[in-house]
Protein backbone atom coordinates (compact mmCIF):
# COMPACT_ATOMS: atom_id res chain seq x y z
CA MET A 1 -15.04 10.95 -22.89
CA VAL A 2 -18.13 13.05 -21.97
CA ALA A 3 -19.26 16.01 -24.10
CA THR A 4 -21.77 18.56 -22.74
CA ARG A 5 -22.92 22.09 -23.15
CA ALA A 6 -22.89 22.67 -19.44
CA LEU A 7 -19.23 23.32 -19.23
CA SER A 8 -19.78 26.41 -21.46
CA GLU A 9 -22.46 27.79 -19.13
CA VAL A 10 -20.78 27.83 -15.71
CA SER A 11 -19.13 30.93 -14.49
CA ASN A 12 -16.03 29.29 -13.39
CA GLN A 13 -14.95 26.88 -16.24
CA SER A 14 -12.30 25.08 -14.18
CA ASP A 15 -14.75 24.32 -11.45
CA GLY A 16 -17.25 23.00 -14.01
CA GLU A 17 -14.54 20.65 -15.40
CA ALA A 18 -13.47 19.40 -12.04
CA SER A 19 -17.05 18.80 -11.03
CA LEU A 20 -17.84 16.87 -14.18
CA ARG A 21 -14.71 14.73 -13.71
CA ARG A 22 -15.78 14.00 -10.07
CA CYS A 23 -19.25 13.08 -11.14
CA VAL A 24 -17.96 10.68 -13.87
CA ARG A 25 -15.59 8.99 -11.46
CA ASP A 26 -18.24 8.56 -8.77
CA LEU A 27 -20.76 7.00 -11.31
CA VAL A 28 -18.01 4.63 -12.67
CA ALA A 29 -17.04 3.67 -9.03
CA LEU A 30 -20.63 2.74 -8.32
CA SER A 31 -21.10 0.83 -11.60
CA SER A 32 -17.70 -0.95 -11.40
CA LEU A 33 -18.51 -3.34 -8.74
CA PRO A 34 -17.68 -6.87 -10.01
CA ALA A 35 -21.09 -8.15 -8.82
CA LEU A 36 -22.81 -5.85 -11.34
CA TRP A 37 -20.83 -7.10 -14.15
CA ILE A 38 -20.68 -10.67 -13.71
CA LYS A 39 -21.22 -12.64 -16.97
CA ALA A 40 -21.16 -9.35 -18.85
CA ASP A 41 -19.01 -8.93 -21.91
CA ALA A 42 -16.87 -5.95 -22.81
CA SER A 43 -19.46 -4.31 -24.92
CA GLN A 44 -22.14 -4.53 -22.31
CA ILE A 45 -19.75 -3.02 -19.76
CA ALA A 46 -18.83 -0.09 -22.10
CA ASP A 47 -22.58 0.37 -22.91
CA SER A 48 -23.54 0.63 -19.31
CA ILE A 49 -20.92 3.29 -18.51
CA GLY A 50 -21.91 5.29 -21.51
CA GLN A 51 -25.64 5.17 -20.45
CA LEU A 52 -24.88 6.35 -16.96
CA ALA A 53 -22.96 9.39 -18.26
CA VAL A 54 -25.75 10.34 -20.69
CA SER A 55 -28.68 9.81 -18.49
CA ILE A 56 -27.48 10.94 -15.13
CA LEU A 57 -25.06 13.66 -16.15
CA ASP A 58 -27.40 14.91 -18.92
CA ALA A 59 -24.48 14.85 -21.36
CA GLU A 60 -24.84 15.24 -25.15
CA LEU A 61 -22.92 12.12 -25.80
CA ALA A 62 -20.41 9.76 -24.16
CA CYS A 63 -17.76 7.77 -25.85
CA VAL A 64 -16.21 4.75 -24.00
CA PHE A 65 -12.88 3.67 -25.52
CA LEU A 66 -11.61 0.24 -24.60
CA ARG A 67 -8.35 -1.43 -25.63
CA ASP A 68 -10.17 -3.34 -28.39
CA PRO A 69 -11.82 -0.99 -30.71
CA ALA A 70 -14.58 -3.47 -31.49
CA PHE A 71 -16.08 -2.79 -28.09
CA GLU A 72 -16.05 1.05 -28.23
CA ALA A 73 -19.43 2.53 -27.28
CA VAL A 74 -21.04 5.81 -28.21
CA LEU A 75 -24.13 6.80 -26.31
CA ARG A 76 -26.08 9.95 -27.32
CA HIS A 77 -28.83 11.97 -25.59
CA GLU A 78 -32.23 12.01 -27.28
CA ARG A 79 -31.71 15.59 -28.27
CA ALA A 80 -28.44 14.76 -29.78
CA ARG A 81 -29.59 11.92 -32.01
CA GLY A 82 -29.13 13.96 -35.16
CA ARG A 83 -25.78 15.30 -34.29
CA SER A 84 -22.83 14.37 -36.46
CA ILE A 85 -19.62 13.94 -34.45
CA ASP A 86 -16.29 12.89 -35.96
CA LEU A 87 -15.39 10.12 -33.64
CA GLY A 88 -12.08 9.50 -35.32
CA ARG A 89 -11.14 12.96 -34.29
CA VAL A 90 -12.35 12.36 -30.78
CA ARG A 91 -10.33 9.21 -30.59
CA GLY A 92 -7.33 11.07 -31.80
CA LEU A 93 -7.80 13.84 -29.27
CA TYR A 94 -8.32 11.51 -26.20
CA ARG A 95 -5.67 12.00 -23.62
CA ALA A 96 -6.19 11.30 -19.88
CA ASN A 97 -7.83 14.26 -18.16
CA ALA A 98 -7.52 16.39 -21.41
CA MET A 99 -10.21 19.19 -22.23
CA PHE A 100 -11.16 20.06 -25.79
CA GLU A 101 -14.13 21.54 -27.89
CA LEU A 102 -16.17 19.78 -30.57
CA ASP A 103 -18.28 21.29 -33.30
CA ASP A 104 -21.17 19.33 -34.79
CA ALA A 105 -23.32 19.83 -37.76
CA TYR A 106 -25.45 22.36 -35.86
CA GLN A 107 -22.21 24.51 -35.31
CA ASP A 108 -22.76 24.21 -31.53
CA ARG A 109 -19.75 24.14 -29.37
CA LEU A 110 -19.47 21.32 -27.12
CA ARG A 111 -16.91 20.94 -24.35
CA ALA A 112 -15.47 17.41 -23.82
CA THR A 113 -13.69 16.08 -20.83
CA CYS A 114 -11.64 12.81 -20.86
CA VAL A 115 -11.73 10.78 -17.70
CA PRO A 116 -9.56 7.64 -17.32
CA ILE A 117 -11.79 5.10 -15.39
CA GLY A 118 -9.48 2.12 -15.21
CA ARG A 119 -6.12 0.78 -15.72
CA ASP A 120 -4.88 -2.34 -17.42
CA PRO A 121 -1.23 -2.98 -16.68
CA GLU A 122 0.56 -5.34 -19.03
CA SER A 123 1.23 -7.65 -16.11
CA GLY A 124 -2.38 -7.81 -15.04
CA ILE A 125 -1.19 -6.98 -11.50
CA ILE A 126 -2.28 -3.99 -9.50
CA ALA A 127 -0.21 -3.66 -6.40
CA SER A 128 -0.74 -1.02 -3.84
CA ALA A 129 0.77 -0.46 -0.34
CA ASN A 130 -0.04 3.35 0.16
CA GLN A 131 2.75 4.14 -2.35
CA ASN A 132 2.70 7.02 -4.82
CA PRO A 133 0.73 5.44 -7.84
CA PHE A 134 1.48 8.43 -10.22
CA SER A 135 4.25 8.27 -12.73
CA GLU A 136 6.90 11.05 -12.76
CA ASN A 137 5.55 12.42 -15.95
CA PHE A 138 2.11 12.78 -14.74
CA SER A 139 0.45 15.94 -16.01
CA TYR A 140 -0.71 17.32 -12.77
CA THR A 141 0.89 18.14 -9.52
CA VAL A 142 -0.04 15.52 -6.87
CA ASN A 143 0.71 15.71 -3.20
CA GLY A 144 -0.14 13.18 -0.46
CA GLY A 145 0.97 11.34 2.60
CA PHE A 146 2.48 8.55 0.40
CA ALA A 147 4.54 5.58 1.78
CA PRO A 148 7.77 4.40 0.39
CA PRO A 149 7.61 2.01 -2.67
CA TYR A 150 9.39 -0.99 -1.21
CA ARG A 151 6.31 -2.94 0.01
CA ALA A 152 4.34 -2.49 -3.40
CA ARG A 153 7.46 -3.50 -5.29
CA GLU A 154 7.83 -6.70 -3.28
CA ILE A 155 4.23 -7.62 -3.58
CA ARG A 156 4.54 -7.27 -7.38
CA THR A 157 7.78 -9.18 -7.44
CA LEU A 158 6.20 -12.13 -5.58
CA LEU A 159 3.11 -12.17 -7.68
CA SER A 160 5.02 -11.95 -10.95
CA GLN A 161 6.82 -15.19 -10.17
CA ARG A 162 4.01 -17.47 -11.23
CA GLU A 163 0.21 -17.50 -11.91
CA LYS A 164 -2.80 -19.05 -10.31
CA TRP A 165 -2.25 -18.18 -6.71
CA ARG A 166 -4.56 -19.87 -4.41
CA PRO A 167 -6.03 -18.04 -1.22
CA LYS A 168 -3.86 -20.15 1.22
CA GLU A 169 -0.74 -19.39 -0.77
CA MET A 170 -1.51 -15.64 -0.72
CA LEU A 171 -1.13 -15.80 3.03
CA GLY A 172 2.61 -16.42 2.45
CA ILE A 173 2.85 -13.18 0.59
CA GLN A 174 1.03 -11.30 3.35
CA LYS A 175 3.49 -12.79 5.92
CA ASP A 176 6.60 -11.80 3.84
CA VAL A 177 9.19 -9.99 5.91
CA TYR A 178 11.90 -9.19 3.31
CA SER A 179 13.01 -5.68 3.25
CA SER A 180 14.90 -4.56 0.32
CA TYR A 181 15.58 -1.16 1.76
CA LEU A 182 17.21 -2.55 5.03
CA TYR A 183 19.12 -5.09 3.01
CA PHE A 184 20.44 -2.36 0.82
CA ILE A 185 21.82 -0.18 3.76
CA ALA A 186 23.20 -3.28 5.38
CA GLN A 187 25.33 -4.11 2.31
CA GLN A 188 26.38 -0.37 2.26
CA ALA A 189 27.55 -0.54 5.88
CA VAL A 190 29.48 -3.83 5.33
CA GLN A 191 31.31 -2.24 2.25
CA ALA A 192 32.13 0.84 4.34
CA TRP A 193 33.42 -1.31 7.18
CA ASP A 194 35.57 -3.36 4.96
CA LYS A 195 37.21 -0.10 3.91
CA HIS A 196 37.64 1.30 7.31
CA PRO A 197 37.68 -1.45 9.91
CA ASN A 198 38.74 -0.99 13.53
CA SER A 199 39.55 -3.14 16.53
CA ASN A 200 36.08 -2.96 18.14
CA ALA A 201 34.92 -6.43 18.65
CA GLN A 202 31.27 -5.64 18.78
CA MET A 203 31.38 -3.59 15.58
CA ARG A 204 33.18 -6.52 13.85
CA ALA A 205 30.48 -8.88 15.06
CA ALA A 206 27.78 -6.53 13.87
CA ALA A 207 29.43 -6.19 10.34
CA ASP A 208 29.70 -10.01 10.24
CA GLU A 209 25.92 -10.49 11.12
CA LEU A 210 25.11 -7.97 8.36
CA ARG A 211 27.39 -9.65 5.73
CA LYS A 212 25.58 -13.00 6.04
CA TRP A 213 22.14 -11.56 6.34
CA ASN A 214 19.54 -12.26 3.65
CA GLY A 215 17.22 -9.41 4.18
CA GLN A 216 14.54 -11.24 6.12
CA THR A 217 13.49 -9.28 9.23
CA GLU A 218 12.74 -12.48 11.25
CA LYS A 219 12.48 -12.79 14.98
CA GLY A 220 15.19 -14.65 16.84
CA THR A 221 17.94 -13.08 14.64
CA ALA A 222 20.39 -10.26 15.33
CA ALA A 223 20.91 -8.55 11.95
CA PRO A 224 17.42 -6.99 11.57
CA MET A 225 17.93 -5.25 14.89
CA ILE A 226 21.40 -4.03 13.92
CA VAL A 227 20.25 -2.64 10.62
CA THR A 228 17.16 -0.97 12.00
CA LEU A 229 19.14 0.79 14.65
CA LEU A 230 21.58 1.80 11.88
CA ASP A 231 18.69 3.09 9.80
CA THR A 232 17.65 5.28 12.79
CA GLU A 233 21.18 6.82 13.11
CA LEU A 234 21.16 7.41 9.36
CA ARG A 235 18.01 9.33 9.47
CA LYS A 236 19.31 11.47 12.42
CA ASN A 237 22.48 12.33 10.61
CA ALA A 238 20.65 13.26 7.40
CA ALA A 239 18.14 15.52 9.25
CA LYS A 240 21.05 17.02 11.16
CA ALA A 241 22.76 17.92 7.90
CA ALA A 242 19.56 19.40 6.41
CA ALA A 243 18.29 21.16 9.45
CA PRO A 244 20.70 21.19 12.34
CA GLY A 245 18.89 21.05 15.69
CA ALA A 246 15.79 19.38 14.24
CA GLU A 247 17.15 15.85 13.74
CA SER A 248 14.96 14.39 16.65
CA GLU A 249 11.84 15.61 14.91
CA TYR A 250 12.54 13.90 11.57
CA ALA A 251 9.96 11.04 11.21
CA ALA A 252 8.87 11.43 7.70
CA ARG A 253 7.40 8.36 5.96
CA MET A 254 9.54 8.92 2.89
CA ALA A 255 12.63 8.97 4.99
CA PRO A 256 13.91 5.57 3.64
CA VAL A 257 13.65 6.93 0.05
CA VAL A 258 15.79 9.91 1.11
CA ILE A 259 18.44 7.73 2.74
CA GLU A 260 18.59 5.24 -0.12
CA ARG A 261 19.03 8.10 -2.51
CA LEU A 262 21.82 9.67 -0.48
CA LEU A 263 23.74 6.49 -0.36
CA ARG A 264 23.30 5.62 -4.00
CA GLU A 265 24.16 9.12 -5.45
CA ARG A 266 26.30 10.44 -2.66
CA PRO A 267 25.80 14.03 -3.47
CA GLN A 268 28.18 16.79 -2.26
CA GLY A 269 27.22 19.11 0.47
CA TRP A 270 25.52 16.56 2.71
CA PHE A 271 28.43 14.55 4.09
CA ASN A 272 32.25 14.87 3.70
CA ASN A 273 32.75 11.05 3.54
CA TYR A 274 29.81 8.71 3.20
CA ASP A 275 31.80 5.55 4.23
CA GLU A 276 32.68 7.39 7.55
CA LEU A 277 29.03 8.20 7.92
CA LEU A 278 28.08 4.67 7.68
CA VAL A 279 30.78 3.26 9.94
CA ASN A 280 30.03 5.95 12.59
CA SER A 281 26.39 5.43 12.45
CA LEU A 282 26.95 1.70 12.81
CA ALA A 283 29.08 2.31 15.89
CA THR A 284 26.25 4.39 17.49
CA ALA A 285 23.72 1.71 16.61
CA VAL A 286 25.86 -0.96 18.17
CA GLU A 287 26.16 1.17 21.45
CA ALA A 288 22.43 1.66 21.47
CA GLY A 289 21.78 -2.14 20.97
CA GLN A 290 24.35 -3.01 23.81
CA LYS A 291 22.28 -0.97 26.29
CA MET A 292 19.19 -3.04 25.38
CA GLN A 293 20.43 -6.48 24.91
CA GLY A 294 24.03 -6.73 26.09
CA SER A 295 27.39 -6.99 24.51
CA ASN A 296 27.03 -10.26 22.58
CA VAL A 297 25.80 -8.84 19.34
CA SER A 298 25.23 -12.23 17.73
CA ALA A 299 22.75 -13.03 20.48
CA TRP A 300 20.48 -9.98 19.89
CA ASP A 301 16.88 -10.87 19.18
CA TYR A 302 15.10 -8.63 16.87
CA GLY A 303 11.79 -10.21 17.78
CA GLN A 304 12.17 -9.17 21.39
CA TRP A 305 13.01 -5.60 20.41
CA ILE A 306 9.76 -5.12 18.48
CA GLU A 307 7.69 -7.39 20.71
CA LEU A 308 3.89 -6.93 20.89
CA LYS A 309 1.80 -6.64 24.02
CA LEU A 310 -1.97 -6.04 23.95
CA THR A 311 -3.23 -4.98 27.31
CA HIS A 312 -6.95 -4.86 28.31
CA PRO A 313 -7.30 -1.40 29.82
CA VAL A 314 -9.55 -2.64 32.65
CA ALA A 315 -9.40 -6.38 33.23
CA GLY A 316 -5.74 -6.54 32.35
CA GLN A 317 -4.85 -4.61 35.44
CA LEU A 318 -6.48 -7.09 37.78
CA PRO A 319 -4.10 -9.05 40.10
CA LEU A 320 -3.38 -12.60 39.49
CA ILE A 321 -5.93 -13.13 36.73
CA GLY A 322 -5.17 -10.00 34.65
CA ARG A 323 -2.69 -11.80 32.56
CA TYR A 324 -5.44 -13.95 31.08
CA PHE A 325 -7.06 -10.88 29.39
CA ASN A 326 -3.79 -9.67 27.93
CA ILE A 327 -1.73 -10.90 24.94
CA GLY A 328 2.00 -10.89 25.06
CA PRO A 329 4.52 -9.74 25.21
CA VAL A 330 5.40 -11.92 22.11
CA PRO A 331 8.34 -11.57 19.75
CA MET A 332 7.39 -10.29 16.24
CA SER A 333 8.90 -10.36 12.68
CA GLY A 334 8.55 -7.66 9.95
CA SER A 335 9.61 -4.17 9.47
CA SER A 336 8.20 -0.76 8.21
CA THR A 337 9.31 -1.59 4.65
CA SER A 338 8.36 -5.18 4.36
CA ILE A 339 5.01 -6.53 3.21
CA LYS A 340 4.25 -7.66 6.73
CA GLN A 341 4.51 -4.17 8.16
CA THR A 342 5.51 -4.45 11.76
CA THR A 343 7.26 -1.95 14.04
CA GLN A 344 7.28 -1.19 17.77
CA ARG A 345 4.14 0.98 17.17
CA LEU A 346 2.22 -0.82 14.48
CA GLY A 347 1.24 -4.15 12.90
CA PRO A 348 -1.29 -5.58 10.49
CA SER A 349 -4.89 -5.05 11.84
CA LEU A 350 -6.26 -7.85 9.76
CA ARG A 351 -5.56 -10.24 6.86
CA MET A 352 -8.04 -10.82 3.96
CA VAL A 353 -7.79 -12.72 0.75
CA ILE A 354 -10.77 -12.44 -1.68
CA ASP A 355 -11.26 -15.06 -4.32
CA LEU A 356 -13.47 -13.41 -6.94
CA ALA A 357 -13.89 -16.66 -8.79
CA ASN A 358 -15.20 -18.45 -5.73
CA LEU A 359 -15.97 -16.27 -2.82
CA ASP A 360 -16.28 -19.31 -0.46
CA GLN A 361 -12.61 -19.86 -0.86
CA SER A 362 -11.91 -16.32 0.56
CA GLN A 363 -10.23 -16.07 3.86
CA ALA A 364 -10.00 -13.42 6.65
CA ASN A 365 -8.99 -12.93 10.20
CA ILE A 366 -8.43 -10.13 12.71
CA VAL A 367 -5.88 -9.75 15.49
CA THR A 368 -7.69 -11.02 18.54
CA GLY A 369 -11.38 -11.92 18.32
CA GLU A 370 -14.76 -10.54 17.47
CA SER A 371 -15.96 -10.13 20.99
CA GLY A 372 -14.95 -7.27 23.36
CA ASN A 373 -16.41 -9.30 26.41
CA VAL A 374 -13.45 -10.75 28.22
CA LEU A 375 -15.69 -13.58 29.35
CA SER A 376 -16.50 -14.64 25.70
CA ARG A 377 -14.81 -17.53 24.06
CA HIS A 378 -14.50 -15.10 21.04
CA TYR A 379 -12.46 -12.53 22.97
CA LYS A 380 -9.13 -13.75 21.60
CA ASP A 381 -9.91 -16.95 19.70
CA GLN A 382 -8.35 -15.53 16.53
CA TRP A 383 -5.04 -14.67 17.94
CA GLY A 384 -3.38 -17.99 17.27
CA ALA A 385 -4.22 -17.88 13.65
CA TYR A 386 -3.03 -14.22 13.41
CA TYR A 387 0.30 -15.05 14.99
CA GLY A 388 0.81 -18.23 13.25
CA GLY A 389 -0.05 -17.04 9.86
CA THR A 390 -3.24 -18.97 9.17
CA SER A 391 -6.77 -17.74 8.62
CA PHE A 392 -10.38 -18.66 8.38
CA PRO A 393 -12.85 -19.08 5.47
CA MET A 394 -15.29 -16.34 4.68
CA GLN A 395 -18.60 -18.22 4.07
CA PHE A 396 -20.99 -16.85 1.50
CA ASP A 397 -22.98 -19.40 -0.21
CA LYS A 398 -22.18 -22.34 2.09
CA VAL A 399 -22.55 -21.25 5.63
CA GLU A 400 -21.89 -23.68 8.44
CA ALA A 401 -23.53 -21.80 11.47
CA LYS A 402 -22.10 -22.75 14.83
CA GLU A 403 -24.58 -20.54 16.66
CA THR A 404 -27.74 -18.61 15.64
CA LEU A 405 -28.85 -15.18 17.05
CA VAL A 406 -32.69 -14.82 17.05
CA VAL A 407 -33.93 -11.36 17.53
CA ASN A 408 -37.53 -10.84 18.51
CA PRO A 409 -38.94 -7.35 18.20
CA GLN A 410 -41.15 -6.22 21.09
C-alpha cells in the first residue's frame, strides 16, 4: 500500500490513481529479479520494496504486507517521520486495487492505493499458457486475446503429480501432446454414434478409432486426425447457428471453450438435437479425411496431416541441392490445445527450462540452428534435438567454449 498527497492534487483523480499503480508495478518488476534477492530474507525483500516506493515515488509512506505479519514493513518519508498512522486500520482496509483515505495526527488527508505485487498460490505452481489469469469475480472488467485454458490446466496437472522436477524431466512436460478438449468431443461423438448408428463402414471405423483413443495427439495414429476434422465441423456449425453465412470466418481462439460449453450444457435455441449434430459433423469430417488420405480410416496418419516443412526462400529453390537447405516434410505430433502446441500453421519456436537453483543445469534449444548462413554447420544443427525432444545445456559459470570470436577494433 502506498499513501501520498499527490493523488489529491491531480486534476483527474482516476488518472492519478492509475498512474501511481503503474509506477509501483514498474518499480516492483525491476526490483523483483531473482538475482537481486538471492540470499535475502523476507524482511529484506519487503524493506527494499518499501524504500523504492518512498524514495522514487516520493510517497508519504509505504506498507508492504506479506503472508507472515512478522515480516511486514512500513517505510516513511523524512517529512512523515512524526506522522501517526493506524496500521491496524490500514491492514484491515487492504484489498487488491482498493483506494481509500487516511487521516494522520496533522489532520492531513492522504490518499492510499493498494497494489498487489505478487501471487503465492497454495500449490506453489504458477502455470501460464496465454489463458485468462483473472478469476470470474475479479473486480475489474478485463479484455484480451486470451487462449483456451486447456494447456495451462494440463501443465498444472502434470506438475502437481510430484515434486523436485529435474530440467531433463521438464522436457517431457513440454513435449506432452494430450488434449483434454479433443478427448472430450471424441467421447461425445462416440456416445452420439452409439445412440444413432448407421451402416456407413467408414463412420463405424471412425467411431471405433475414437472409442479406443486415449487423447494423445500422436503422429502415426488416426484418431487425432478424425477428431480434429470433427472439431472443425463443429465450429462451422456453431458459427452458422450464431451468424448464418459467416461460418467460414469463425476462427476465434476461444472456439474450443464455446464448443465444449455447448456440448456440456446443450442449451436450447442453438441446435434441435445435439446428438444429430455430432453424428452429422462426424460424417462430414470422415468425408473430408477420405479425400486427403483414402477410405481406410484406420490407416489415416495425423502426423502427415500436420506435417512440417521449412523451406529456405532462396537456396531451397535450387535444383538438385535445394533439398539440403530445407527441412521436411516431417510428420508432427501435438494440437492447438495440448502443451506441445502444434497445428498446420504453428509449432513451438524454442524450448527452455531454467533451473534457478543451478543455472548451469538449465537447457534450451531453438528449431533449426543459430546461423542463417546455409554453409555454416550451425545452420540446422539443433533440428535433431528439437524434433527428438532433447536439448542443450545453457552454460553460465562453467563455459566449455568450442570456438572463440575475437573482435579487434580498428
